[in-house]
PDB file of N, CA and C in Angstrom:
ATOM      1  N   MET A   1       6.973  10.104  -9.588  1.00  0.00           N
ATOM      2  CA  MET A   1       5.844   9.842  -8.733  1.00  0.00           C
ATOM      3  C   MET A   1       6.288   9.902  -7.274  1.00  0.00           C
ATOM      4  N   ASN A   2       5.434  10.467  -6.488  1.00  0.00           N
ATOM      5  CA  ASN A   2       5.723  10.648  -5.074  1.00  0.00           C
ATOM      6  C   ASN A   2       4.781   9.751  -4.257  1.00  0.00           C
ATOM      7  N   PHE A   3       5.342   8.727  -3.629  1.00  0.00           N
ATOM      8  CA  PHE A   3       4.558   7.823  -2.786  1.00  0.00           C
ATOM      9  C   PHE A   3       4.805   8.161  -1.324  1.00  0.00           C
ATOM     10  N   SER A   4       3.742   8.053  -0.528  1.00  0.00           N
ATOM     11  CA  SER A   4       3.858   8.316   0.899  1.00  0.00           C
ATOM     12  C   SER A   4       2.770   7.537   1.638  1.00  0.00           C
ATOM     13  N   PHE A   5       2.882   7.519   2.956  1.00  0.00           N
ATOM     14  CA  PHE A   5       1.823   6.930   3.775  1.00  0.00           C
ATOM     15  C   PHE A   5       1.565   7.837   4.965  1.00  0.00           C
ATOM     16  N   LYS A   6       0.332   7.770   5.462  1.00  0.00           N
ATOM     17  CA  LYS A   6      -0.066   8.580   6.610  1.00  0.00           C
ATOM     18  C   LYS A   6      -0.806   7.699   7.608  1.00  0.00           C
ATOM     19  N   SER A   7      -0.620   8.008   8.861  1.00  0.00           N
ATOM     20  CA  SER A   7      -1.284   7.262   9.925  1.00  0.00           C
ATOM     21  C   SER A   7      -2.740   7.713  10.038  1.00  0.00           C
ATOM     22  N   CYS A   8      -3.632   6.722  10.099  1.00  0.00           N
ATOM     23  CA  CYS A   8      -5.060   6.969  10.304  1.00  0.00           C
ATOM     24  C   CYS A   8      -5.549   5.995  11.368  1.00  0.00           C
ATOM     25  N   GLU A   9      -5.903   6.524  12.516  1.00  0.00           N
ATOM     26  CA  GLU A   9      -6.358   5.711  13.642  1.00  0.00           C
ATOM     27  C   GLU A   9      -5.326   4.634  13.979  1.00  0.00           C
ATOM     28  N   ASP A  10      -5.629   3.365  13.699  1.00  0.00           N
ATOM     29  CA  ASP A  10      -4.699   2.286  14.069  1.00  0.00           C
ATOM     30  C   ASP A  10      -4.100   1.576  12.849  1.00  0.00           C
ATOM     31  N   TYR A  11      -4.060   2.263  11.698  1.00  0.00           N
ATOM     32  CA  TYR A  11      -3.450   1.709  10.499  1.00  0.00           C
ATOM     33  C   TYR A  11      -2.890   2.833   9.636  1.00  0.00           C
ATOM     34  N   PHE A  12      -2.251   2.484   8.537  1.00  0.00           N
ATOM     35  CA  PHE A  12      -1.630   3.459   7.648  1.00  0.00           C
ATOM     36  C   PHE A  12      -2.260   3.372   6.259  1.00  0.00           C
ATOM     37  N   LYS A  13      -2.496   4.523   5.624  1.00  0.00           N
ATOM     38  CA  LYS A  13      -3.011   4.590   4.259  1.00  0.00           C
ATOM     39  C   LYS A  13      -1.925   5.137   3.351  1.00  0.00           C
ATOM     40  N   PHE A  14      -1.955   4.721   2.089  1.00  0.00           N
ATOM     41  CA  PHE A  14      -0.922   5.099   1.132  1.00  0.00           C
ATOM     42  C   PHE A  14      -1.447   6.085   0.107  1.00  0.00           C
ATOM     43  N   TYR A  15      -0.546   6.966  -0.325  1.00  0.00           N
ATOM     44  CA  TYR A  15      -0.892   8.018  -1.275  1.00  0.00           C
ATOM     45  C   TYR A  15       0.122   8.078  -2.410  1.00  0.00           C
ATOM     46  N   LYS A  16      -0.376   8.362  -3.603  1.00  0.00           N
ATOM     47  CA  LYS A  16       0.469   8.582  -4.777  1.00  0.00           C
ATOM     48  C   LYS A  16       0.178   9.999  -5.251  1.00  0.00           C
ATOM     49  N   ASN A  17       1.174  10.862  -5.174  1.00  0.00           N
ATOM     50  CA  ASN A  17       1.003  12.278  -5.518  1.00  0.00           C
ATOM     51  C   ASN A  17      -0.183  12.892  -4.770  1.00  0.00           C
ATOM     52  N   ASP A  18      -0.287  12.625  -3.485  1.00  0.00           N
ATOM     53  CA  ASP A  18      -1.327  13.129  -2.585  1.00  0.00           C
ATOM     54  C   ASP A  18      -2.733  12.614  -2.890  1.00  0.00           C
ATOM     55  N   SER A  19      -2.850  11.576  -3.731  1.00  0.00           N
ATOM     56  CA  SER A  19      -4.135  10.929  -3.994  1.00  0.00           C
ATOM     57  C   SER A  19      -4.126   9.555  -3.335  1.00  0.00           C
ATOM     58  N   LEU A  20      -5.196   9.228  -2.655  1.00  0.00           N
ATOM     59  CA  LEU A  20      -5.307   7.953  -1.952  1.00  0.00           C
ATOM     60  C   LEU A  20      -5.217   6.793  -2.948  1.00  0.00           C
ATOM     61  N   ILE A  21      -4.391   5.800  -2.638  1.00  0.00           N
ATOM     62  CA  ILE A  21      -4.277   4.606  -3.475  1.00  0.00           C
ATOM     63  C   ILE A  21      -5.361   3.634  -3.040  1.00  0.00           C
ATOM     64  N   LYS A  22      -6.244   3.281  -3.984  1.00  0.00           N
ATOM     65  CA  LYS A  22      -7.318   2.337  -3.687  1.00  0.00           C
ATOM     66  C   LYS A  22      -7.087   1.041  -4.444  1.00  0.00           C
ATOM     67  N   VAL A  23      -7.385  -0.078  -3.798  1.00  0.00           N
ATOM     68  CA  VAL A  23      -7.243  -1.386  -4.424  1.00  0.00           C
ATOM     69  C   VAL A  23      -8.565  -1.870  -5.004  1.00  0.00           C
ATOM     70  N   SER A  24      -9.647  -1.234  -4.600  1.00  0.00           N
ATOM     71  CA  SER A  24     -10.975  -1.475  -5.161  1.00  0.00           C
ATOM     72  C   SER A  24     -11.758  -0.172  -5.006  1.00  0.00           C
ATOM     73  N   ASP A  25     -13.004  -0.173  -5.423  1.00  0.00           N
ATOM     74  CA  ASP A  25     -13.799   1.059  -5.350  1.00  0.00           C
ATOM     75  C   ASP A  25     -13.900   1.628  -3.944  1.00  0.00           C
ATOM     76  N   LYS A  26     -13.972   0.746  -2.957  1.00  0.00           N
ATOM     77  CA  LYS A  26     -14.180   1.194  -1.571  1.00  0.00           C
ATOM     78  C   LYS A  26     -12.947   1.118  -0.686  1.00  0.00           C
ATOM     79  N   ASN A  27     -12.005   0.255  -1.021  1.00  0.00           N
ATOM     80  CA  ASN A  27     -10.931  -0.075  -0.091  1.00  0.00           C
ATOM     81  C   ASN A  27      -9.585   0.556  -0.466  1.00  0.00           C
ATOM     82  N   PRO A  28      -9.009   1.323   0.458  1.00  0.00           N
ATOM     83  CA  PRO A  28      -7.660   1.867   0.220  1.00  0.00           C
ATOM     84  C   PRO A  28      -6.593   0.825   0.550  1.00  0.00           C
ATOM     85  N   LEU A  29      -5.397   1.034   0.025  1.00  0.00           N
ATOM     86  CA  LEU A  29      -4.254   0.196   0.388  1.00  0.00           C
ATOM     87  C   LEU A  29      -3.868   0.551   1.814  1.00  0.00           C
ATOM     88  N   MET A  30      -3.791  -0.466   2.695  1.00  0.00           N
ATOM     89  CA  MET A  30      -3.543  -0.206   4.108  1.00  0.00           C
ATOM     90  C   MET A  30      -2.444  -1.110   4.656  1.00  0.00           C
ATOM     91  N   ALA A  31      -1.825  -0.654   5.750  1.00  0.00           N
ATOM     92  CA  ALA A  31      -0.853  -1.443   6.515  1.00  0.00           C
ATOM     93  C   ALA A  31      -1.202  -1.291   7.991  1.00  0.00           C
ATOM     94  N   ILE A  32      -0.917  -2.322   8.751  1.00  0.00           N
ATOM     95  CA  ILE A  32      -1.262  -2.324  10.174  1.00  0.00           C
ATOM     96  C   ILE A  32      -0.223  -1.603  11.029  1.00  0.00           C
ATOM     97  N   ASN A  33       1.068  -1.770  10.714  1.00  0.00           N
ATOM     98  CA  ASN A  33       2.092  -1.124  11.529  1.00  0.00           C
ATOM     99  C   ASN A  33       3.117  -0.410  10.643  1.00  0.00           C
ATOM    100  N   SER A  34       3.999   0.339  11.252  1.00  0.00           N
ATOM    101  CA  SER A  34       4.942   1.163  10.493  1.00  0.00           C
ATOM    102  C   SER A  34       5.976   0.323   9.735  1.00  0.00           C
ATOM    103  N   GLN A  35       6.378  -0.823  10.283  1.00  0.00           N
ATOM    104  CA  GLN A  35       7.330  -1.684   9.565  1.00  0.00           C
ATOM    105  C   GLN A  35       6.712  -2.220   8.279  1.00  0.00           C
ATOM    106  N   HIS A  36       5.466  -2.638   8.359  1.00  0.00           N
ATOM    107  CA  HIS A  36       4.737  -3.126   7.180  1.00  0.00           C
ATOM    108  C   HIS A  36       4.590  -1.988   6.172  1.00  0.00           C
ATOM    109  N   ALA A  37       4.271  -0.798   6.651  1.00  0.00           N
ATOM    110  CA  ALA A  37       4.109   0.365   5.775  1.00  0.00           C
ATOM    111  C   ALA A  37       5.410   0.697   5.042  1.00  0.00           C
ATOM    112  N   GLU A  38       6.531   0.616   5.743  1.00  0.00           N
ATOM    113  CA  GLU A  38       7.836   0.893   5.118  1.00  0.00           C
ATOM    114  C   GLU A  38       8.158  -0.129   4.023  1.00  0.00           C
ATOM    115  N   LEU A  39       7.824  -1.396   4.249  1.00  0.00           N
ATOM    116  CA  LEU A  39       8.069  -2.428   3.239  1.00  0.00           C
ATOM    117  C   LEU A  39       7.210  -2.207   1.998  1.00  0.00           C
ATOM    118  N   ILE A  40       5.958  -1.845   2.199  1.00  0.00           N
ATOM    119  CA  ILE A  40       5.078  -1.563   1.067  1.00  0.00           C
ATOM    120  C   ILE A  40       5.589  -0.346   0.299  1.00  0.00           C
ATOM    121  N   LEU A  41       5.983   0.686   1.018  1.00  0.00           N
ATOM    122  CA  LEU A  41       6.498   1.898   0.385  1.00  0.00           C
ATOM    123  C   LEU A  41       7.743   1.591  -0.444  1.00  0.00           C
ATOM    124  N   LYS A  42       8.610   0.735   0.074  1.00  0.00           N
ATOM    125  CA  LYS A  42       9.817   0.337  -0.656  1.00  0.00           C
ATOM    126  C   LYS A  42       9.438  -0.345  -1.970  1.00  0.00           C
ATOM    127  N   ASP A  43       8.442  -1.238  -1.937  1.00  0.00           N
ATOM    128  CA  ASP A  43       7.983  -1.913  -3.158  1.00  0.00           C
ATOM    129  C   ASP A  43       7.328  -0.933  -4.131  1.00  0.00           C
ATOM    130  N   LEU A  44       6.573   0.018  -3.613  1.00  0.00           N
ATOM    131  CA  LEU A  44       5.918   0.997  -4.487  1.00  0.00           C
ATOM    132  C   LEU A  44       6.930   1.876  -5.220  1.00  0.00           C
ATOM    133  N   LYS A  45       8.032   2.169  -4.557  1.00  0.00           N
ATOM    134  CA  LYS A  45       9.037   3.060  -5.141  1.00  0.00           C
ATOM    135  C   LYS A  45       9.982   2.372  -6.119  1.00  0.00           C
ATOM    136  N   LYS A  46       9.917   1.045  -6.210  1.00  0.00           N
ATOM    137  CA  LYS A  46      10.770   0.335  -7.157  1.00  0.00           C
ATOM    138  C   LYS A  46      10.417   0.765  -8.572  1.00  0.00           C
ATOM    139  N   LYS A  47      11.422   1.014  -9.381  1.00  0.00           N
ATOM    140  CA  LYS A  47      11.175   1.440 -10.757  1.00  0.00           C
ATOM    141  C   LYS A  47      10.655   0.292 -11.607  1.00  0.00           C
ATOM    142  N   GLU A  48      11.145  -0.902 -11.351  1.00  0.00           N
ATOM    143  CA  GLU A  48      10.698  -2.068 -12.113  1.00  0.00           C
ATOM    144  C   GLU A  48       9.520  -2.710 -11.384  1.00  0.00           C
ATOM    145  N   VAL A  49       8.373  -2.712 -12.019  1.00  0.00           N
ATOM    146  CA  VAL A  49       7.178  -3.268 -11.390  1.00  0.00           C
ATOM    147  C   VAL A  49       7.115  -4.760 -11.686  1.00  0.00           C
ATOM    148  N   LYS A  50       7.048  -5.545 -10.647  1.00  0.00           N
ATOM    149  CA  LYS A  50       6.915  -6.988 -10.794  1.00  0.00           C
ATOM    150  C   LYS A  50       5.524  -7.383 -10.328  1.00  0.00           C
ATOM    151  N   THR A  51       4.968  -8.388 -10.956  1.00  0.00           N
ATOM    152  CA  THR A  51       3.615  -8.816 -10.611  1.00  0.00           C
ATOM    153  C   THR A  51       3.639 -10.073  -9.748  1.00  0.00           C
ATOM    154  N   ASP A  52       4.546 -10.138  -8.815  1.00  0.00           N
ATOM    155  CA  ASP A  52       4.654 -11.286  -7.923  1.00  0.00           C
ATOM    156  C   ASP A  52       3.508 -11.246  -6.911  1.00  0.00           C
ATOM    157  N   PRO A  53       2.572 -12.179  -6.982  1.00  0.00           N
ATOM    158  CA  PRO A  53       1.436 -12.164  -6.057  1.00  0.00           C
ATOM    159  C   PRO A  53       1.823 -12.459  -4.612  1.00  0.00           C
ATOM    160  N   PHE A  54       3.033 -12.974  -4.397  1.00  0.00           N
ATOM    161  CA  PHE A  54       3.465 -13.310  -3.044  1.00  0.00           C
ATOM    162  C   PHE A  54       4.446 -12.306  -2.463  1.00  0.00           C
ATOM    163  N   SER A  55       4.625 -11.162  -3.127  1.00  0.00           N
ATOM    164  CA  SER A  55       5.462 -10.101  -2.575  1.00  0.00           C
ATOM    165  C   SER A  55       4.692  -9.390  -1.466  1.00  0.00           C
ATOM    166  N   VAL A  56       5.379  -8.589  -0.693  1.00  0.00           N
ATOM    167  CA  VAL A  56       4.721  -7.837   0.384  1.00  0.00           C
ATOM    168  C   VAL A  56       3.624  -6.956  -0.213  1.00  0.00           C
ATOM    169  N   LEU A  57       3.934  -6.279  -1.314  1.00  0.00           N
ATOM    170  CA  LEU A  57       2.946  -5.409  -1.955  1.00  0.00           C
ATOM    171  C   LEU A  57       1.773  -6.223  -2.492  1.00  0.00           C
ATOM    172  N   GLY A  58       2.063  -7.342  -3.165  1.00  0.00           N
ATOM    173  CA  GLY A  58       0.996  -8.177  -3.723  1.00  0.00           C
ATOM    174  C   GLY A  58       0.056  -8.720  -2.664  1.00  0.00           C
ATOM    175  N   LEU A  59       0.615  -9.217  -1.578  1.00  0.00           N
ATOM    176  CA  LEU A  59      -0.214  -9.747  -0.493  1.00  0.00           C
ATOM    177  C   LEU A  59      -0.978  -8.644   0.234  1.00  0.00           C
ATOM    178  N   SER A  60      -0.373  -7.461   0.338  1.00  0.00           N
ATOM    179  CA  SER A  60      -1.046  -6.332   1.001  1.00  0.00           C
ATOM    180  C   SER A  60      -2.218  -5.840   0.160  1.00  0.00           C
ATOM    181  N   VAL A  61      -2.035  -5.799  -1.164  1.00  0.00           N
ATOM    182  CA  VAL A  61      -3.134  -5.405  -2.053  1.00  0.00           C
ATOM    183  C   VAL A  61      -4.273  -6.399  -1.920  1.00  0.00           C
ATOM    184  N   PHE A  62      -3.951  -7.693  -1.912  1.00  0.00           N
ATOM    185  CA  PHE A  62      -4.972  -8.724  -1.745  1.00  0.00           C
ATOM    186  C   PHE A  62      -5.723  -8.568  -0.426  1.00  0.00           C
ATOM    187  N   ALA A  63      -4.974  -8.417   0.659  1.00  0.00           N
ATOM    188  CA  ALA A  63      -5.599  -8.289   1.988  1.00  0.00           C
ATOM    189  C   ALA A  63      -6.443  -7.020   2.095  1.00  0.00           C
ATOM    190  N   SER A  64      -5.990  -5.940   1.491  1.00  0.00           N
ATOM    191  CA  SER A  64      -6.736  -4.681   1.557  1.00  0.00           C
ATOM    192  C   SER A  64      -8.020  -4.744   0.732  1.00  0.00           C
ATOM    193  N   SER A  65      -8.058  -5.621  -0.264  1.00  0.00           N
ATOM    194  CA  SER A  65      -9.244  -5.705  -1.119  1.00  0.00           C
ATOM    195  C   SER A  65     -10.359  -6.537  -0.514  1.00  0.00           C
ATOM    196  N   LEU A  66     -10.054  -7.263   0.557  1.00  0.00           N
ATOM    197  CA  LEU A  66     -11.082  -8.081   1.231  1.00  0.00           C
ATOM    198  C   LEU A  66     -12.035  -7.186   2.002  1.00  0.00           C
ATOM    199  N   ASP A  67     -13.300  -7.522   1.978  1.00  0.00           N
ATOM    200  CA  ASP A  67     -14.290  -6.729   2.726  1.00  0.00           C
ATOM    201  C   ASP A  67     -14.396  -7.197   4.138  1.00  0.00           C
TER     202      ASP A  67
END
C-alpha cells in the first residue's frame, strides 16, 4: 500500500493508493501542518495496526470526523 499526503489550501489530505482517505462519508483525514502530517503518515505506514485511541493517528481520525 502506498500512503501519501498532499497540501490543500491550509491543511493536508491523505491518500491510500491515490484514493482519498475518508474518516466518514463527508470528511477526509486531515492534518493542519507538515509535522502533524508526517506523524500521521508514519502511523499509517506501520505494518502492525494498533487501535490505540490516544495515538496521533487515532486522535487525528477523531478530530477529522467532527463536523
